[in-house]
Every structure is written in C-alpha cells, then in structure tokens.
Amino acid sequence: MALVDAQKFYRDLEKGQLASLYFLFGEEPYLLNQSVDRFKFAVLSEGAIDFNYSLFYGADADISTVRDTVETLPMMSAKRLVILKEAQELTDKEWTELESLFVSPVDSTVFVILASRVDKRKKQIRLLLETADCIEFKKPYENQIPGWVKHIASSLDLEIAEDAIMLLAKLVGHHLTEIETELRKLADFLGTRRRIEVSDVAQVVSRSKEENVFDFTKAIGESDRVRALEHLVHLLDQGQSEVGIVALLARHIRVLMLVKRGLEQGLSGAKLAQFVQVPPYFLDNYVMQSRLWTIKKLEQTLVILAETDKALKSSPLSAHIWLENLVLKTCGAFPEARKVVVT
C-alpha cells in the first residue's frame, strides 16, 4: 500500500475505519507518540484497555511474545490493539520473525509498528511498506511551527497570543516535543489563568534557553574552544536557528556588560538584578561569568556577533561555518581576559 496522507489517517481513525496493520515512521517523535493515544481512543473502549492493549519496545521486546499477542483473540471487544514502538532497534532476525504478520495481518488485531528510522533496503521493510497502511511523520517546516504551537496549546486547554506564539517558536525551534514541554511549563506557571502572553513566554521559556546559551558563552569566556563547539552543536540539535543563537548570545553579552557596569556603581542583590533586568535567581551566574570578561572583550565580541549575523543573512557559505568561525574568533582572541581572577 502507498503512503497514506496524515490528515486522511487521522480522519479514518476518528471514524473508526481501522486497518489491521499500520507502519508509522519518521523523525518527529511528538507525532509518533501522539498517535498511540489516538489509536487507544479509536480502537478500545475504556473498560477494554486492560484486556486488549499491549505495548512493546523494540530494544527489549521478545518477538515471539509480540507475535503471540497479535494472534490472540480480543476479550469482550471487537479488536485487540498491539503497539510496537522503536522498531528501528529490531535485529534482522526479529524482523524476519514478524514477516508472517505482514503477509497475513490478523483481522481481529490492530497491529501498529512505530520507528524513527527506516532502512527501505531491508526486505521486511519493503514488504511492510507494501502491505501496511503507512504514514510518514516528517519534521514540520519553519512556517508551520506557529500553527503547531497554537494546536498544541489548544490541546492543553490554553490560549496563546500571536506575539507569544512567535517568541515561543523563536526560542524553542521546530521540535514539537520540546514545544509541548514548554507549553506544559507555561500552564503550571499560569495557575488559574488560561491565556499565555508574550511576557509569560519571556519569563518562563527563555530561562532554560538562556541557561544553555550561558553554557555556550561561559565556554567562550573561558577560552575553551572544544566545549564551546560542543555546546554550539547542542543548541543546533535543540532546533535553535543559527540567527537565533547569535541573537540570544548578543543579548547575553549585553547583560554581562550591564552587570559589570552595575558592579562598578556598587550595586548588588535585588538592586543589581533590577538594574540588569534579570530574575534574581540567575544573578549569581551572571556576576560570576562577568568577572571572566573585560569590557573591551565584551565590546569586541558584540562587533563579531554583528558581523556574524550579517554573514548568516547574506553569505552563501554554510551557517555552521560562520558559527564555528565565531567561536574561533572569540575563544582566546583577547588574551587579557585570561588574566581576570574570579573572586
């Protein structure tokens, strides 16, 4: 069977139009995991779940048990639901053991196989792609993220302002699982409120992002190129845009400049936090890091960041090259910074 459109797949589930064999794959874990709940709701009544629902994981499942469970008749229900997650962890031998279920699916069972990676050269995968209802979940495009933010917020019974959507998308990137995690944090932060404003996102979501950027900045400030590059890769893996990383880093550098100026004015504690406009909880980290930098180094780093931002928006070279060049220019670029003593 050819690939099934995801929207058609959702509509069929809502109507109870079920196949006996499904193969769901792709690199978007949020959509894969969400489909499990959709199947449970579509296939089983609440009272039938205990008797007719089985969940296995590819890394530790006994495949003979999986096969026997699929072939077992349901109890007090029209269908049994068997889900095998992380099927990319199965060995060739284990795939072969499941082959009979692909050739002759069991009518009384809805057997769902989920995998984040697919090797279409494998015989069993090709067979599965031919016989199952197959749905591929790709990572959404950048212009689709605002819609997903609104959709996930709605599923959590939340409203979200348009400017809050844009800020959340900028901070979190295109990983839907992380977007859901941050929206759940926001729900806890709101308490009885149900509408998310941009100030809520700035206060809650940016904190974790700033902590990661803080690690990146600290590595640069300590002239540790290897660690800085490791943190850069981590930020990119989180889905941060290259331009977004530069913007957050530039903001971080400006905060450090304000901290140094506030310290020079004799400010401390709550007065310094108010002067810098950062939550008091994070102030000690900023103060500690500011002592690793000179004003000259901070000013020169802002120039480098501005040059990098311009290059990212106009140069045909890979964005990663410019970010790595940023690290090389700032790590060890200003020897006098190494003489700063942390007290």
Protein backbone atom coordinates (compact mmCIF):
# COMPACT_ATOMS: atom_id res chain seq x y z
CA MET A 1 0.00 0.00 0.00
CA ALA A 2 1.21 3.52 -0.78
CA LEU A 3 1.82 6.10 1.89
CA VAL A 4 -1.37 7.39 3.49
CA ASP A 5 -1.78 11.13 3.95
CA ALA A 6 -1.55 12.00 7.64
CA GLN A 7 -4.79 14.00 7.61
CA LYS A 8 -6.67 11.11 5.99
CA PHE A 9 -5.15 8.80 8.59
CA TYR A 10 -6.49 11.00 11.41
CA ARG A 11 -9.93 11.24 9.80
CA ASP A 12 -10.17 7.46 9.35
CA LEU A 13 -9.24 6.87 12.99
CA GLU A 14 -11.93 9.30 14.15
CA LYS A 15 -14.49 7.44 12.01
CA GLY A 16 -13.33 4.06 13.34
CA GLN A 17 -12.20 2.97 9.87
CA LEU A 18 -9.34 0.73 11.00
CA ALA A 19 -6.80 -1.36 9.14
CA SER A 20 -5.19 -4.43 10.70
CA LEU A 21 -1.60 -3.31 10.12
CA TYR A 22 -0.03 0.14 10.39
CA PHE A 23 3.54 1.31 9.94
CA LEU A 24 4.22 4.79 11.29
CA PHE A 25 7.69 6.20 10.83
CA GLY A 26 9.58 9.47 10.66
CA GLU A 27 11.83 11.80 12.60
CA GLU A 28 9.12 13.69 14.50
CA PRO A 29 8.73 11.88 17.87
CA TYR A 30 5.86 14.08 19.04
CA LEU A 31 3.60 12.92 16.22
CA LEU A 32 4.64 9.29 16.62
CA ASN A 33 3.92 9.32 20.35
CA GLN A 34 0.68 11.24 19.90
CA SER A 35 -0.59 8.57 17.52
CA VAL A 36 -0.50 5.98 20.32
CA ASP A 37 -3.22 7.80 22.25
CA ARG A 38 -5.22 8.26 19.05
CA PHE A 39 -5.17 4.51 18.44
CA LYS A 40 -6.19 3.72 22.02
CA PHE A 41 -9.15 6.08 21.74
CA ALA A 42 -10.17 4.79 18.29
CA VAL A 43 -9.79 1.06 18.90
CA LEU A 44 -10.70 0.41 22.53
CA SER A 45 -13.37 1.39 24.99
CA GLU A 46 -12.20 2.42 28.46
CA GLY A 47 -13.18 -0.87 30.03
CA ALA A 48 -11.44 -2.95 27.35
CA ILE A 49 -7.98 -1.40 27.62
CA ASP A 50 -6.75 -3.65 30.45
CA PHE A 51 -7.53 -6.83 28.50
CA ASN A 52 -6.84 -5.83 24.93
CA TYR A 53 -3.95 -3.35 24.87
CA SER A 54 -0.28 -4.32 24.74
CA LEU A 55 2.75 -2.05 24.31
CA PHE A 56 6.22 -3.32 23.39
CA TYR A 57 9.57 -1.61 22.76
CA GLY A 58 11.90 -2.85 20.04
CA ALA A 59 15.03 -2.78 22.18
CA ASP A 60 13.80 -5.26 24.79
CA ALA A 61 10.73 -6.98 23.35
CA ASP A 62 10.54 -10.75 23.00
CA ILE A 63 9.38 -11.01 19.40
CA SER A 64 7.72 -14.39 19.85
CA THR A 65 5.62 -12.79 22.62
CA VAL A 66 4.76 -9.88 20.33
CA ARG A 67 3.67 -12.30 17.60
CA ASP A 68 1.61 -14.43 20.01
CA THR A 69 -0.08 -11.33 21.42
CA VAL A 70 -1.03 -10.09 17.95
CA GLU A 71 -2.53 -13.52 17.16
CA THR A 72 -4.52 -13.69 20.44
CA LEU A 73 -8.24 -13.06 20.10
CA PRO A 74 -9.60 -9.98 21.92
CA MET A 75 -11.63 -10.28 25.13
CA MET A 76 -15.01 -8.53 25.35
CA SER A 77 -14.01 -6.25 22.50
CA ALA A 78 -14.15 -6.28 18.72
CA LYS A 79 -10.43 -5.55 18.37
CA ARG A 80 -7.14 -6.01 20.18
CA LEU A 81 -4.53 -3.21 19.96
CA VAL A 82 -0.83 -4.11 19.89
CA ILE A 83 1.78 -1.37 19.54
CA LEU A 84 5.48 -1.94 18.88
CA LYS A 85 7.49 1.25 19.43
CA GLU A 86 11.11 1.97 18.48
CA ALA A 87 11.08 -0.77 15.86
CA GLN A 88 14.31 0.62 14.42
CA GLU A 89 16.03 -1.28 17.26
CA LEU A 90 14.92 -4.69 15.96
CA THR A 91 17.53 -7.06 14.55
CA ASP A 92 17.25 -8.61 11.08
CA LYS A 93 16.28 -11.90 12.70
CA GLU A 94 13.49 -10.24 14.70
CA TRP A 95 12.14 -8.52 11.58
CA THR A 96 12.08 -11.93 9.89
CA GLU A 97 10.06 -13.38 12.80
CA LEU A 98 7.39 -10.74 12.22
CA GLU A 99 7.23 -11.26 8.47
CA SER A 100 4.25 -13.65 8.59
CA LEU A 101 2.17 -10.90 10.24
CA PHE A 102 2.95 -8.60 7.31
CA VAL A 103 1.95 -11.20 4.72
CA SER A 104 -1.26 -12.19 6.57
CA PRO A 105 -2.37 -9.48 9.02
CA VAL A 106 -4.63 -10.63 11.85
CA ASP A 107 -8.13 -9.25 11.28
CA SER A 108 -9.06 -9.16 14.98
CA THR A 109 -5.97 -7.10 15.95
CA VAL A 110 -4.81 -3.61 15.08
CA PHE A 111 -1.04 -4.01 14.98
CA VAL A 112 0.87 -0.72 14.94
CA ILE A 113 4.62 -0.54 14.34
CA LEU A 114 6.44 2.75 15.00
CA ALA A 115 10.01 3.61 14.01
CA SER A 116 12.04 6.82 13.94
CA ARG A 117 14.39 5.50 11.25
CA VAL A 118 13.68 3.26 8.27
CA ASP A 119 16.07 1.31 6.05
CA LYS A 120 13.98 0.78 2.95
CA ARG A 121 16.58 -1.63 1.55
CA LYS A 122 15.54 -4.31 4.05
CA LYS A 123 13.28 -7.00 2.60
CA GLN A 124 10.88 -6.91 5.57
CA ILE A 125 10.63 -3.11 5.47
CA ARG A 126 9.82 -3.19 1.77
CA LEU A 127 7.18 -5.82 2.48
CA LEU A 128 5.76 -3.75 5.33
CA LEU A 129 5.60 -0.68 3.11
CA GLU A 130 3.65 -2.71 0.56
CA THR A 131 1.14 -4.35 2.92
CA ALA A 132 0.56 -1.90 5.79
CA ASP A 133 -1.16 1.46 5.99
CA CYS A 134 1.99 3.61 6.14
CA ILE A 135 2.23 7.16 7.47
CA GLU A 136 5.45 9.18 7.45
CA PHE A 137 5.78 11.92 10.06
CA LYS A 138 8.32 14.48 8.91
CA LYS A 139 9.56 17.41 10.94
CA PRO A 140 7.36 20.42 10.21
CA TYR A 141 8.67 23.31 8.13
CA GLU A 142 9.53 26.54 9.93
CA ASN A 143 6.44 28.33 8.59
CA GLN A 144 4.25 25.55 10.06
CA ILE A 145 5.54 25.93 13.63
CA PRO A 146 3.20 28.79 14.69
CA GLY A 147 0.21 26.66 13.71
CA TRP A 148 1.57 23.74 15.70
CA VAL A 149 2.15 25.96 18.74
CA LYS A 150 -1.47 27.06 18.63
CA HIS A 151 -2.68 23.48 18.09
CA ILE A 152 -0.66 22.03 20.99
CA ALA A 153 -1.68 24.90 23.26
CA SER A 154 -5.32 24.25 22.42
CA SER A 155 -4.90 20.55 23.22
CA LEU A 156 -3.73 21.64 26.69
CA ASP A 157 -6.78 23.92 27.06
CA LEU A 158 -4.64 27.03 26.66
CA GLU A 159 -4.96 30.18 24.58
CA ILE A 160 -1.83 31.92 23.36
CA ALA A 161 -1.34 35.43 22.00
CA GLU A 162 0.12 35.81 18.50
CA ASP A 163 3.28 37.59 19.68
CA ALA A 164 3.72 34.87 22.33
CA ILE A 165 3.48 32.24 19.58
CA MET A 166 6.23 33.92 17.58
CA LEU A 167 8.54 34.28 20.57
CA LEU A 168 7.99 30.67 21.65
CA ALA A 169 8.73 29.45 18.12
CA LYS A 170 11.90 31.55 18.00
CA LEU A 171 13.16 30.30 21.36
CA VAL A 172 12.26 26.63 21.07
CA GLY A 173 12.71 25.94 17.36
CA HIS A 174 10.93 23.23 15.36
CA HIS A 175 10.95 20.35 17.84
CA LEU A 176 7.28 19.69 18.66
CA THR A 177 8.06 17.59 21.74
CA GLU A 178 10.02 20.47 23.25
CA ILE A 179 7.25 22.92 22.31
CA GLU A 180 4.76 20.75 24.21
CA THR A 181 7.13 20.55 27.20
CA GLU A 182 7.48 24.33 27.34
CA LEU A 183 3.72 24.83 27.00
CA ARG A 184 3.16 22.47 29.93
CA LYS A 185 5.63 24.53 31.97
CA LEU A 186 3.71 27.64 30.99
CA ALA A 187 0.44 26.02 32.07
CA ASP A 188 1.91 25.37 35.52
CA PHE A 189 3.24 28.93 35.65
CA LEU A 190 -0.14 30.44 34.73
CA GLY A 191 -2.04 28.74 37.56
CA THR A 192 -5.70 29.56 37.06
CA ARG A 193 -5.05 31.73 34.01
CA ARG A 194 -5.50 30.04 30.63
CA ARG A 195 -4.11 32.66 28.22
CA ILE A 196 -0.38 32.86 27.53
CA GLU A 197 1.02 36.33 26.92
CA VAL A 198 4.42 37.20 25.45
CA SER A 199 5.65 38.25 28.89
CA ASP A 200 4.90 34.73 30.19
CA VAL A 201 6.99 33.17 27.42
CA ALA A 202 9.84 35.60 28.02
CA GLN A 203 9.83 34.81 31.73
CA VAL A 204 9.41 31.02 31.60
CA VAL A 205 10.70 29.66 28.29
CA SER A 206 13.68 31.94 27.82
CA ARG A 207 15.15 30.85 31.15
CA SER A 208 16.09 27.36 30.04
CA LYS A 209 17.32 28.68 26.72
CA GLU A 210 19.43 31.31 28.44
CA GLU A 211 20.95 28.64 30.65
CA ASN A 212 22.08 26.73 27.55
CA VAL A 213 23.39 29.91 25.96
CA PHE A 214 25.07 30.69 29.28
CA ASP A 215 26.98 27.39 29.00
CA PHE A 216 27.96 28.32 25.45
CA THR A 217 29.02 31.83 26.47
CA LYS A 218 30.88 30.61 29.53
CA ALA A 219 32.89 28.19 27.40
CA ILE A 220 33.82 31.06 25.08
CA GLY A 221 34.68 33.30 28.04
CA GLU A 222 36.98 30.61 29.44
CA SER A 223 38.66 30.22 26.03
CA ASP A 224 37.56 26.59 25.87
CA ARG A 225 37.04 26.10 22.16
CA VAL A 226 36.21 22.39 22.37
CA ARG A 227 33.47 22.89 24.97
CA ALA A 228 32.11 25.93 23.12
CA LEU A 229 31.77 23.89 19.93
CA GLU A 230 30.08 21.06 21.86
CA HIS A 231 27.52 23.49 23.30
CA LEU A 232 27.02 25.03 19.84
CA VAL A 233 26.16 21.61 18.42
CA HIS A 234 23.77 21.04 21.35
CA LEU A 235 21.97 24.33 20.67
CA LEU A 236 21.59 23.45 16.99
CA ASP A 237 20.32 19.98 17.89
CA GLN A 238 17.63 21.64 20.03
CA GLY A 239 16.33 23.27 16.88
CA GLN A 240 17.69 26.74 17.54
CA SER A 241 18.10 28.73 14.34
CA GLU A 242 21.61 29.98 13.63
CA VAL A 243 20.43 33.60 13.60
CA GLY A 244 18.53 32.94 16.83
CA ILE A 245 21.69 31.64 18.53
CA VAL A 246 23.55 34.81 17.59
CA ALA A 247 20.65 36.98 18.80
CA LEU A 248 20.43 35.20 22.16
CA LEU A 249 24.20 35.29 22.57
CA ALA A 250 24.29 39.01 21.78
CA ARG A 251 21.60 39.63 24.38
CA HIS A 252 23.62 37.57 26.86
CA ILE A 253 26.76 39.63 26.18
CA ARG A 254 24.82 42.86 26.68
CA VAL A 255 23.53 41.53 30.01
CA LEU A 256 27.11 40.84 31.09
CA MET A 257 28.07 44.40 30.16
CA LEU A 258 25.21 45.74 32.30
CA VAL A 259 26.28 43.51 35.19
CA LYS A 260 29.84 44.86 35.04
CA ARG A 261 28.61 48.45 34.92
CA GLY A 262 26.21 47.82 37.79
CA LEU A 263 29.01 46.30 39.87
CA GLU A 264 31.18 49.33 39.09
CA GLN A 265 28.38 51.51 40.51
CA GLY A 266 28.37 49.46 43.71
CA LEU A 267 25.06 47.74 43.03
CA SER A 268 24.33 44.23 44.32
CA GLY A 269 21.47 41.86 45.12
CA ALA A 270 17.97 42.97 44.18
CA LYS A 271 19.15 46.43 43.06
CA LEU A 272 21.63 44.89 40.61
CA ALA A 273 19.01 42.44 39.33
CA GLN A 274 16.60 45.32 38.74
CA PHE A 275 19.32 47.36 37.00
CA VAL A 276 20.17 44.47 34.68
CA GLN A 277 16.52 43.36 34.30
CA VAL A 278 17.15 39.66 35.01
CA PRO A 279 15.44 37.36 37.53
CA PRO A 280 17.37 37.47 40.86
CA TYR A 281 17.66 33.67 40.74
CA PHE A 282 20.08 33.91 37.80
CA LEU A 283 22.05 36.92 39.02
CA ASP A 284 24.87 35.00 40.71
CA ASN A 285 25.64 33.15 37.49
CA TYR A 286 25.79 36.39 35.54
CA VAL A 287 28.01 38.03 38.15
CA MET A 288 30.37 35.05 38.19
CA GLN A 289 30.65 35.00 34.44
CA SER A 290 31.03 38.77 34.08
CA ARG A 291 34.27 38.52 36.05
CA LEU A 292 35.73 36.33 33.32
CA TRP A 293 35.30 39.12 30.76
CA THR A 294 36.72 42.58 30.27
CA ILE A 295 34.59 45.42 28.91
CA LYS A 296 36.90 45.53 25.88
CA LYS A 297 36.35 41.85 25.17
CA LEU A 298 32.58 42.24 25.53
CA GLU A 299 32.55 45.20 23.12
CA GLN A 300 34.71 43.40 20.55
CA THR A 301 32.55 40.28 20.85
CA LEU A 302 29.44 42.34 20.06
CA VAL A 303 31.18 43.55 16.89
CA ILE A 304 31.98 39.95 15.92
CA LEU A 305 28.38 38.93 16.61
CA ALA A 306 27.07 41.74 14.40
CA GLU A 307 29.40 40.64 11.59
CA THR A 308 28.28 37.02 12.02
CA ASP A 309 24.61 38.00 11.97
CA LYS A 310 25.13 39.91 8.72
CA ALA A 311 27.01 36.99 7.17
CA LEU A 312 24.34 34.46 8.19
CA LYS A 313 21.71 36.54 6.41
CA SER A 314 23.68 37.24 3.23
CA SER A 315 26.55 34.79 2.70
CA PRO A 316 26.17 31.66 0.53
CA LEU A 317 28.53 29.78 2.87
CA SER A 318 27.10 27.26 5.34
CA ALA A 319 25.74 28.87 8.50
CA HIS A 320 27.64 26.34 10.61
CA ILE A 321 30.92 27.66 9.18
CA TRP A 322 30.15 31.18 10.34
CA LEU A 323 29.17 30.00 13.83
CA GLU A 324 32.31 27.90 14.16
CA ASN A 325 34.30 30.92 12.99
CA LEU A 326 32.56 32.95 15.70
CA VAL A 327 33.84 30.50 18.31
CA LEU A 328 37.37 30.57 16.92
CA LYS A 329 37.43 34.37 16.91
CA THR A 330 36.15 34.77 20.47
CA CYS A 331 37.89 31.87 22.21
CA GLY A 332 41.35 33.08 23.06
CA ALA A 333 41.02 36.11 20.83
CA PHE A 334 41.61 38.51 23.69
CA PRO A 335 44.50 37.29 25.90
CA GLU A 336 43.95 39.91 28.57
CA ALA A 337 40.64 38.24 29.51
CA ARG A 338 42.53 35.20 30.80
CA LYS A 339 44.15 37.32 33.49
CA VAL A 340 40.81 38.14 35.10
CA VAL A 341 40.57 36.48 38.50
CA VAL A 342 37.27 35.09 39.76
CA THR A 343 36.65 36.07 43.37
